[in-house]
Amino acid sequence: YFASRDADELGAAIDLLAAAPHFDDHEPFTAAALTVRR
């Protein structure tokens, strides 16, 4: 998804996602992904 962006932006996106690290916590896990896409 970050193919045309730099490594720092990818790292920052992972940091945002890491606030909801586990997939079995469905609601925040999905919300975090949508936040990164926005």
ModelCIF file with pLDDT and N, C-alpha, C, O atoms, coordinates in Angstrom:
data_MODEL
#
_entry.id   MODEL 
#
_entity.id                         1 
_entity.type                       polymer 
_entity.pdbx_number_of_molecules   1 
#
_entity_poly.entity_id                      1 
_entity_poly.type                           'polypeptide(L)' 
_entity_poly.nstd_linkage                   no 
_entity_poly.nstd_monomer                   no 
_entity_poly.pdbx_seq_one_letter_code       YFASRDADELGAAIDLLAAAPHFDDHEPFTAAALTVRR 
_entity_poly.pdbx_seq_one_letter_code_can   YFASRDADELGAAIDLLAAAPHFDDHEPFTAAALTVRR 
_entity_poly.pdbx_strand_id                 A 
#
loop_
_entity_poly_seq.entity_id 
_entity_poly_seq.num 
_entity_poly_seq.mon_id 
_entity_poly_seq.hetero 
1 1  TYR n 
1 2  PHE n 
1 3  ALA n 
1 4  SER n 
1 5  ARG n 
1 6  ASP n 
1 7  ALA n 
1 8  ASP n 
1 9  GLU n 
1 10 LEU n 
1 11 GLY n 
1 12 ALA n 
1 13 ALA n 
1 14 ILE n 
1 15 ASP n 
1 16 LEU n 
1 17 LEU n 
1 18 ALA n 
1 19 ALA n 
1 20 ALA n 
1 21 PRO n 
1 22 HIS n 
1 23 PHE n 
1 24 ASP n 
1 25 ASP n 
1 26 HIS n 
1 27 GLU n 
1 28 PRO n 
1 29 PHE n 
1 30 THR n 
1 31 ALA n 
1 32 ALA n 
1 33 ALA n 
1 34 LEU n 
1 35 THR n 
1 36 VAL n 
1 37 ARG n 
1 38 ARG n 
#
_struct_asym.id          A 
_struct_asym.entity_id   1 
#
loop_
_ma_qa_metric.id 
_ma_qa_metric.mode 
_ma_qa_metric.name 
_ma_qa_metric.software_group_id 
_ma_qa_metric.type 
1 global pLDDT . pLDDT 
2 local  pLDDT . pLDDT 
#
_ma_qa_metric_global.metric_id      1 
_ma_qa_metric_global.metric_value   97.95 
_ma_qa_metric_global.model_id       1 
_ma_qa_metric_global.ordinal_id     1 
#
loop_
_ma_qa_metric_local.label_asym_id 
_ma_qa_metric_local.label_comp_id 
_ma_qa_metric_local.label_seq_id 
_ma_qa_metric_local.metric_id 
_ma_qa_metric_local.metric_value 
_ma_qa_metric_local.model_id 
_ma_qa_metric_local.ordinal_id 
A TYR 1  2 98.00 1 1  
A PHE 2  2 98.00 1 2  
A ALA 3  2 98.00 1 3  
A SER 4  2 98.00 1 4  
A ARG 5  2 98.00 1 5  
A ASP 6  2 97.00 1 6  
A ALA 7  2 98.00 1 7  
A ASP 8  2 98.00 1 8  
A GLU 9  2 98.00 1 9  
A LEU 10 2 98.00 1 10 
A GLY 11 2 98.00 1 11 
A ALA 12 2 98.00 1 12 
A ALA 13 2 98.00 1 13 
A ILE 14 2 98.00 1 14 
A ASP 15 2 98.00 1 15 
A LEU 16 2 98.00 1 16 
A LEU 17 2 98.00 1 17 
A ALA 18 2 98.00 1 18 
A ALA 19 2 98.00 1 19 
A ALA 20 2 98.00 1 20 
A PRO 21 2 98.00 1 21 
A HIS 22 2 98.00 1 22 
A PHE 23 2 98.00 1 23 
A ASP 24 2 97.00 1 24 
A ASP 25 2 98.00 1 25 
A HIS 26 2 98.00 1 26 
A GLU 27 2 98.00 1 27 
A PRO 28 2 98.00 1 28 
A PHE 29 2 98.00 1 29 
A THR 30 2 98.00 1 30 
A ALA 31 2 98.00 1 31 
A ALA 32 2 98.00 1 32 
A ALA 33 2 98.00 1 33 
A LEU 34 2 98.00 1 34 
A THR 35 2 98.00 1 35 
A VAL 36 2 98.00 1 36 
A ARG 37 2 98.00 1 37 
A ARG 38 2 98.00 1 38 
#
loop_
_atom_site.group_PDB 
_atom_site.id 
_atom_site.type_symbol 
_atom_site.label_atom_id 
_atom_site.label_alt_id 
_atom_site.label_comp_id 
_atom_site.label_asym_id 
_atom_site.label_entity_id 
_atom_site.label_seq_id 
_atom_site.pdbx_PDB_ins_code 
_atom_site.Cartn_x 
_atom_site.Cartn_y 
_atom_site.Cartn_z 
_atom_site.occupancy 
_atom_site.B_iso_or_equiv 
_atom_site.pdbx_formal_charge 
_atom_site.auth_seq_id 
_atom_site.auth_comp_id 
_atom_site.auth_asym_id 
_atom_site.auth_atom_id 
_atom_site.pdbx_PDB_model_num 
ATOM 1   N N  . TYR A 1 1  ? 0.839   -1.209  0.000  1.00 98.00 ? 1  TYR A N  1 
ATOM 2   C CA . TYR A 1 1  ? 0.000   0.000   0.000  1.00 98.00 ? 1  TYR A CA 1 
ATOM 3   C C  . TYR A 1 1  ? 0.870   1.254   0.000  1.00 98.00 ? 1  TYR A C  1 
ATOM 4   O O  . TYR A 1 1  ? 0.500   2.271   -0.586 1.00 98.00 ? 1  TYR A O  1 
ATOM 5   N N  . PHE A 1 2  ? 2.033   1.178   0.661  1.00 98.00 ? 2  PHE A N  1 
ATOM 6   C CA . PHE A 1 2  ? 2.954   2.311   0.765  1.00 98.00 ? 2  PHE A CA 1 
ATOM 7   C C  . PHE A 1 2  ? 4.048   2.254   -0.304 1.00 98.00 ? 2  PHE A C  1 
ATOM 8   O O  . PHE A 1 2  ? 5.127   2.816   -0.116 1.00 98.00 ? 2  PHE A O  1 
ATOM 9   N N  . ALA A 1 3  ? 3.774   1.573   -1.433 1.00 98.00 ? 3  ALA A N  1 
ATOM 10  C CA . ALA A 1 3  ? 4.786   1.379   -2.473 1.00 98.00 ? 3  ALA A CA 1 
ATOM 11  C C  . ALA A 1 3  ? 5.366   2.688   -2.987 1.00 98.00 ? 3  ALA A C  1 
ATOM 12  O O  . ALA A 1 3  ? 6.543   2.745   -3.342 1.00 98.00 ? 3  ALA A O  1 
ATOM 13  N N  . SER A 1 4  ? 4.553   3.746   -3.031 1.00 98.00 ? 4  SER A N  1 
ATOM 14  C CA . SER A 1 4  ? 5.023   5.028   -3.566 1.00 98.00 ? 4  SER A CA 1 
ATOM 15  C C  . SER A 1 4  ? 5.366   6.039   -2.480 1.00 98.00 ? 4  SER A C  1 
ATOM 16  O O  . SER A 1 4  ? 5.580   7.216   -2.770 1.00 98.00 ? 4  SER A O  1 
ATOM 17  N N  . ARG A 1 5  ? 5.419   5.587   -1.239 1.00 98.00 ? 5  ARG A N  1 
ATOM 18  C CA . ARG A 1 5  ? 5.801   6.459   -0.128 1.00 98.00 ? 5  ARG A CA 1 
ATOM 19  C C  . ARG A 1 5  ? 7.137   5.982   0.431  1.00 98.00 ? 5  ARG A C  1 
ATOM 20  O O  . ARG A 1 5  ? 7.670   4.962   -0.005 1.00 98.00 ? 5  ARG A O  1 
ATOM 21  N N  . ASP A 1 6  ? 7.674   6.723   1.399  1.00 97.00 ? 6  ASP A N  1 
ATOM 22  C CA . ASP A 1 6  ? 8.987   6.347   1.923  1.00 97.00 ? 6  ASP A CA 1 
ATOM 23  C C  . ASP A 1 6  ? 8.857   5.485   3.176  1.00 97.00 ? 6  ASP A C  1 
ATOM 24  O O  . ASP A 1 6  ? 7.773   5.313   3.733  1.00 97.00 ? 6  ASP A O  1 
ATOM 25  N N  . ALA A 1 7  ? 10.002  4.952   3.597  1.00 98.00 ? 7  ALA A N  1 
ATOM 26  C CA . ALA A 1 7  ? 10.032  4.025   4.726  1.00 98.00 ? 7  ALA A CA 1 
ATOM 27  C C  . ALA A 1 7  ? 9.592   4.693   6.025  1.00 98.00 ? 7  ALA A C  1 
ATOM 28  O O  . ALA A 1 7  ? 9.008   4.038   6.888  1.00 98.00 ? 7  ALA A O  1 
ATOM 29  N N  . ASP A 1 8  ? 9.865   5.988   6.175  1.00 98.00 ? 8  ASP A N  1 
ATOM 30  C CA . ASP A 1 8  ? 9.460   6.680   7.402  1.00 98.00 ? 8  ASP A CA 1 
ATOM 31  C C  . ASP A 1 8  ? 7.936   6.743   7.526  1.00 98.00 ? 8  ASP A C  1 
ATOM 32  O O  . ASP A 1 8  ? 7.389   6.572   8.615  1.00 98.00 ? 8  ASP A O  1 
ATOM 33  N N  . GLU A 1 9  ? 7.260   6.988   6.409  1.00 98.00 ? 9  GLU A N  1 
ATOM 34  C CA . GLU A 1 9  ? 5.802   7.026   6.442  1.00 98.00 ? 9  GLU A CA 1 
ATOM 35  C C  . GLU A 1 9  ? 5.230   5.652   6.764  1.00 98.00 ? 9  GLU A C  1 
ATOM 36  O O  . GLU A 1 9  ? 4.261   5.539   7.515  1.00 98.00 ? 9  GLU A O  1 
ATOM 37  N N  . LEU A 1 10 ? 5.825   4.610   6.198  1.00 98.00 ? 10 LEU A N  1 
ATOM 38  C CA . LEU A 1 10 ? 5.390   3.252   6.535  1.00 98.00 ? 10 LEU A CA 1 
ATOM 39  C C  . LEU A 1 10 ? 5.576   3.000   8.027  1.00 98.00 ? 10 LEU A C  1 
ATOM 40  O O  . LEU A 1 10 ? 4.687   2.454   8.679  1.00 98.00 ? 10 LEU A O  1 
ATOM 41  N N  . GLY A 1 11 ? 6.720   3.393   8.567  1.00 98.00 ? 11 GLY A N  1 
ATOM 42  C CA . GLY A 1 11 ? 6.961   3.202   9.996  1.00 98.00 ? 11 GLY A CA 1 
ATOM 43  C C  . GLY A 1 11 ? 5.958   3.943   10.857 1.00 98.00 ? 11 GLY A C  1 
ATOM 44  O O  . GLY A 1 11 ? 5.500   3.423   11.874 1.00 98.00 ? 11 GLY A O  1 
ATOM 45  N N  . ALA A 1 12 ? 5.613   5.165   10.448 1.00 98.00 ? 12 ALA A N  1 
ATOM 46  C CA . ALA A 1 12 ? 4.632   5.942   11.203 1.00 98.00 ? 12 ALA A CA 1 
ATOM 47  C C  . ALA A 1 12 ? 3.253   5.280   11.154 1.00 98.00 ? 12 ALA A C  1 
ATOM 48  O O  . ALA A 1 12 ? 2.519   5.299   12.141 1.00 98.00 ? 12 ALA A O  1 
ATOM 49  N N  . ALA A 1 13 ? 2.905   4.700   10.011 1.00 98.00 ? 13 ALA A N  1 
ATOM 50  C CA . ALA A 1 13 ? 1.619   4.001   9.891  1.00 98.00 ? 13 ALA A CA 1 
ATOM 51  C C  . ALA A 1 13 ? 1.583   2.775   10.792 1.00 98.00 ? 13 ALA A C  1 
ATOM 52  O O  . ALA A 1 13 ? 0.566   2.498   11.428 1.00 98.00 ? 13 ALA A O  1 
ATOM 53  N N  . ILE A 1 14 ? 2.686   2.044   10.848 1.00 98.00 ? 14 ILE A N  1 
ATOM 54  C CA . ILE A 1 14 ? 2.744   0.874   11.732 1.00 98.00 ? 14 ILE A CA 1 
ATOM 55  C C  . ILE A 1 14 ? 2.606   1.297   13.183 1.00 98.00 ? 14 ILE A C  1 
ATOM 56  O O  . ILE A 1 14 ? 1.958   0.610   13.973 1.00 98.00 ? 14 ILE A O  1 
ATOM 57  N N  . ASP A 1 15 ? 3.209   2.422   13.538 1.00 98.00 ? 15 ASP A N  1 
ATOM 58  C CA . ASP A 1 15 ? 3.063   2.925   14.908 1.00 98.00 ? 15 ASP A CA 1 
ATOM 59  C C  . ASP A 1 15 ? 1.596   3.225   15.227 1.00 98.00 ? 15 ASP A C  1 
ATOM 60  O O  . ASP A 1 15 ? 1.136   2.945   16.334 1.00 98.00 ? 15 ASP A O  1 
ATOM 61  N N  . LEU A 1 16 ? 0.864   3.788   14.277 1.00 98.00 ? 16 LEU A N  1 
ATOM 62  C CA . LEU A 1 16 ? -0.567  4.035   14.487 1.00 98.00 ? 16 LEU A CA 1 
ATOM 63  C C  . LEU A 1 16 ? -1.328  2.723   14.670 1.00 98.00 ? 16 LEU A C  1 
ATOM 64  O O  . LEU A 1 16 ? -2.186  2.606   15.546 1.00 98.00 ? 16 LEU A O  1 
ATOM 65  N N  . LEU A 1 17 ? -1.006  1.749   13.842 1.00 98.00 ? 17 LEU A N  1 
ATOM 66  C CA . LEU A 1 17 ? -1.690  0.457   13.923 1.00 98.00 ? 17 LEU A CA 1 
ATOM 67  C C  . LEU A 1 17 ? -1.362  -0.279  15.219 1.00 98.00 ? 17 LEU A C  1 
ATOM 68  O O  . LEU A 1 17 ? -2.193  -1.020  15.744 1.00 98.00 ? 17 LEU A O  1 
ATOM 69  N N  . ALA A 1 18 ? -0.156  -0.073  15.730 1.00 98.00 ? 18 ALA A N  1 
ATOM 70  C CA . ALA A 1 18 ? 0.285   -0.795  16.931 1.00 98.00 ? 18 ALA A CA 1 
ATOM 71  C C  . ALA A 1 18 ? -0.542  -0.445  18.161 1.00 98.00 ? 18 ALA A C  1 
ATOM 72  O O  . ALA A 1 18 ? -0.461  -1.139  19.174 1.00 98.00 ? 18 ALA A O  1 
ATOM 73  N N  . ALA A 1 19 ? -1.340  0.624   18.088 1.00 98.00 ? 19 ALA A N  1 
ATOM 74  C CA . ALA A 1 19 ? -2.242  0.940   19.205 1.00 98.00 ? 19 ALA A CA 1 
ATOM 75  C C  . ALA A 1 19 ? -3.356  -0.098  19.324 1.00 98.00 ? 19 ALA A C  1 
ATOM 76  O O  . ALA A 1 19 ? -3.986  -0.212  20.376 1.00 98.00 ? 19 ALA A O  1 
ATOM 77  N N  . ALA A 1 20 ? -3.605  -0.854  18.254 1.00 98.00 ? 20 ALA A N  1 
ATOM 78  C CA . ALA A 1 20 ? -4.584  -1.955  18.268 1.00 98.00 ? 20 ALA A CA 1 
ATOM 79  C C  . ALA A 1 20 ? -3.880  -3.181  17.713 1.00 98.00 ? 20 ALA A C  1 
ATOM 80  O O  . ALA A 1 20 ? -4.102  -3.549  16.560 1.00 98.00 ? 20 ALA A O  1 
ATOM 81  N N  . PRO A 1 21 ? -3.029  -3.826  18.519 1.00 98.00 ? 21 PRO A N  1 
ATOM 82  C CA . PRO A 1 21 ? -2.097  -4.822  17.967 1.00 98.00 ? 21 PRO A CA 1 
ATOM 83  C C  . PRO A 1 21 ? -2.705  -6.178  17.624 1.00 98.00 ? 21 PRO A C  1 
ATOM 84  O O  . PRO A 1 21 ? -2.188  -6.877  16.753 1.00 98.00 ? 21 PRO A O  1 
ATOM 85  N N  . HIS A 1 22 ? -3.799  -6.564  18.293 1.00 98.00 ? 22 HIS A N  1 
ATOM 86  C CA . HIS A 1 22 ? -4.266  -7.952  18.202 1.00 98.00 ? 22 HIS A CA 1 
ATOM 87  C C  . HIS A 1 22 ? -5.568  -8.066  17.422 1.00 98.00 ? 22 HIS A C  1 
ATOM 88  O O  . HIS A 1 22 ? -6.520  -7.329  17.681 1.00 98.00 ? 22 HIS A O  1 
ATOM 89  N N  . PHE A 1 23 ? -5.608  -8.986  16.469 1.00 98.00 ? 23 PHE A N  1 
ATOM 90  C CA . PHE A 1 23 ? -6.755  -9.085  15.576 1.00 98.00 ? 23 PHE A CA 1 
ATOM 91  C C  . PHE A 1 23 ? -8.023  -9.549  16.266 1.00 98.00 ? 23 PHE A C  1 
ATOM 92  O O  . PHE A 1 23 ? -9.120  -9.286  15.774 1.00 98.00 ? 23 PHE A O  1 
ATOM 93  N N  . ASP A 1 24 ? -7.897  -10.238 17.405 1.00 97.00 ? 24 ASP A N  1 
ATOM 94  C CA . ASP A 1 24 ? -9.107  -10.731 18.070 1.00 97.00 ? 24 ASP A CA 1 
ATOM 95  C C  . ASP A 1 24 ? -9.858  -9.617  18.812 1.00 97.00 ? 24 ASP A C  1 
ATOM 96  O O  . ASP A 1 24 ? -10.947 -9.853  19.336 1.00 97.00 ? 24 ASP A O  1 
ATOM 97  N N  . ASP A 1 25 ? -9.294  -8.427  18.860 1.00 98.00 ? 25 ASP A N  1 
ATOM 98  C CA . ASP A 1 25 ? -9.988  -7.254  19.394 1.00 98.00 ? 25 ASP A CA 1 
ATOM 99  C C  . ASP A 1 25 ? -10.580 -6.510  18.193 1.00 98.00 ? 25 ASP A C  1 
ATOM 100 O O  . ASP A 1 25 ? -10.068 -5.469  17.780 1.00 98.00 ? 25 ASP A O  1 
ATOM 101 N N  . HIS A 1 26 ? -11.660 -7.057  17.645 1.00 98.00 ? 26 HIS A N  1 
ATOM 102 C CA . HIS A 1 26 ? -12.131 -6.720  16.300 1.00 98.00 ? 26 HIS A CA 1 
ATOM 103 C C  . HIS A 1 26 ? -12.394 -5.235  16.063 1.00 98.00 ? 26 HIS A C  1 
ATOM 104 O O  . HIS A 1 26 ? -11.975 -4.681  15.047 1.00 98.00 ? 26 HIS A O  1 
ATOM 105 N N  . GLU A 1 27 ? -13.078 -4.602  16.989 1.00 98.00 ? 27 GLU A N  1 
ATOM 106 C CA . GLU A 1 27 ? -13.527 -3.229  16.751 1.00 98.00 ? 27 GLU A CA 1 
ATOM 107 C C  . GLU A 1 27 ? -12.361 -2.259  16.621 1.00 98.00 ? 27 GLU A C  1 
ATOM 108 O O  . GLU A 1 27 ? -12.258 -1.585  15.596 1.00 98.00 ? 27 GLU A O  1 
ATOM 109 N N  . PRO A 1 28 ? -11.470 -2.156  17.619 1.00 98.00 ? 28 PRO A N  1 
ATOM 110 C CA . PRO A 1 28 ? -10.353 -1.220  17.474 1.00 98.00 ? 28 PRO A CA 1 
ATOM 111 C C  . PRO A 1 28 ? -9.375  -1.636  16.382 1.00 98.00 ? 28 PRO A C  1 
ATOM 112 O O  . PRO A 1 28 ? -8.753  -0.778  15.756 1.00 98.00 ? 28 PRO A O  1 
ATOM 113 N N  . PHE A 1 29 ? -9.228  -2.925  16.146 1.00 98.00 ? 29 PHE A N  1 
ATOM 114 C CA . PHE A 1 29 ? -8.330  -3.410  15.096 1.00 98.00 ? 29 PHE A CA 1 
ATOM 115 C C  . PHE A 1 29 ? -8.770  -2.870  13.733 1.00 98.00 ? 29 PHE A C  1 
ATOM 116 O O  . PHE A 1 29 ? -7.959  -2.355  12.964 1.00 98.00 ? 29 PHE A O  1 
ATOM 117 N N  . THR A 1 30 ? -10.062 -2.998  13.451 1.00 98.00 ? 30 THR A N  1 
ATOM 118 C CA . THR A 1 30 ? -10.593 -2.518  12.175 1.00 98.00 ? 30 THR A CA 1 
ATOM 119 C C  . THR A 1 30 ? -10.568 -0.999  12.113 1.00 98.00 ? 30 THR A C  1 
ATOM 120 O O  . THR A 1 30 ? -10.215 -0.426  11.083 1.00 98.00 ? 30 THR A O  1 
ATOM 121 N N  . ALA A 1 31 ? -10.939 -0.343  13.204 1.00 98.00 ? 31 ALA A N  1 
ATOM 122 C CA . ALA A 1 31 ? -10.947 1.119   13.231 1.00 98.00 ? 31 ALA A CA 1 
ATOM 123 C C  . ALA A 1 31 ? -9.554  1.681   12.964 1.00 98.00 ? 31 ALA A C  1 
ATOM 124 O O  . ALA A 1 31 ? -9.412  2.683   12.262 1.00 98.00 ? 31 ALA A O  1 
ATOM 125 N N  . ALA A 1 32 ? -8.527  1.041   13.519 1.00 98.00 ? 32 ALA A N  1 
ATOM 126 C CA . ALA A 1 32 ? -7.159  1.524   13.315 1.00 98.00 ? 32 ALA A CA 1 
ATOM 127 C C  . ALA A 1 32 ? -6.753  1.424   11.845 1.00 98.00 ? 32 ALA A C  1 
ATOM 128 O O  . ALA A 1 32 ? -6.095  2.321   11.318 1.00 98.00 ? 32 ALA A O  1 
ATOM 129 N N  . ALA A 1 33 ? -7.142  0.338   11.190 1.00 98.00 ? 33 ALA A N  1 
ATOM 130 C CA . ALA A 1 33 ? -6.817  0.186   9.764  1.00 98.00 ? 33 ALA A CA 1 
ATOM 131 C C  . ALA A 1 33 ? -7.485  1.274   8.938  1.00 98.00 ? 33 ALA A C  1 
ATOM 132 O O  . ALA A 1 33 ? -6.864  1.851   8.046  1.00 98.00 ? 33 ALA A O  1 
ATOM 133 N N  . LEU A 1 34 ? -8.743  1.555   9.231  1.00 98.00 ? 34 LEU A N  1 
ATOM 134 C CA . LEU A 1 34 ? -9.453  2.591   8.484  1.00 98.00 ? 34 LEU A CA 1 
ATOM 135 C C  . LEU A 1 34 ? -8.856  3.980   8.752  1.00 98.00 ? 34 LEU A C  1 
ATOM 136 O O  . LEU A 1 34 ? -8.832  4.833   7.865  1.00 98.00 ? 34 LEU A O  1 
ATOM 137 N N  . THR A 1 35 ? -8.381  4.196   9.972  1.00 98.00 ? 35 THR A N  1 
ATOM 138 C CA . THR A 1 35 ? -7.726  5.466   10.298 1.00 98.00 ? 35 THR A CA 1 
ATOM 139 C C  . THR A 1 35 ? -6.459  5.655   9.475  1.00 98.00 ? 35 THR A C  1 
ATOM 140 O O  . THR A 1 35 ? -6.206  6.747   8.965  1.00 98.00 ? 35 THR A O  1 
ATOM 141 N N  . VAL A 1 36 ? -5.660  4.599   9.342  1.00 98.00 ? 36 VAL A N  1 
ATOM 142 C CA . VAL A 1 36 ? -4.439  4.685   8.544  1.00 98.00 ? 36 VAL A CA 1 
ATOM 143 C C  . VAL A 1 36 ? -4.778  4.953   7.080  1.00 98.00 ? 36 VAL A C  1 
ATOM 144 O O  . VAL A 1 36 ? -4.094  5.737   6.423  1.00 98.00 ? 36 VAL A O  1 
ATOM 145 N N  . ARG A 1 37 ? -5.827  4.312   6.562  1.00 98.00 ? 37 ARG A N  1 
ATOM 146 C CA . ARG A 1 37 ? -6.215  4.565   5.174  1.00 98.00 ? 37 ARG A CA 1 
ATOM 147 C C  . ARG A 1 37 ? -6.649  6.023   4.977  1.00 98.00 ? 37 ARG A C  1 
ATOM 148 O O  . ARG A 1 37 ? -6.359  6.618   3.939  1.00 98.00 ? 37 ARG A O  1 
ATOM 149 N N  . ARG A 1 38 ? -7.332  6.593   5.952  1.00 98.00 ? 38 ARG A N  1 
ATOM 150 C CA . ARG A 1 38 ? -7.735  8.006   5.846  1.00 98.00 ? 38 ARG A CA 1 
ATOM 151 C C  . ARG A 1 38 ? -6.531  8.941   5.981  1.00 98.00 ? 38 ARG A C  1 
ATOM 152 O O  . ARG A 1 38 ? -6.686  10.160  5.915  1.00 98.00 ? 38 ARG A O  1 
#
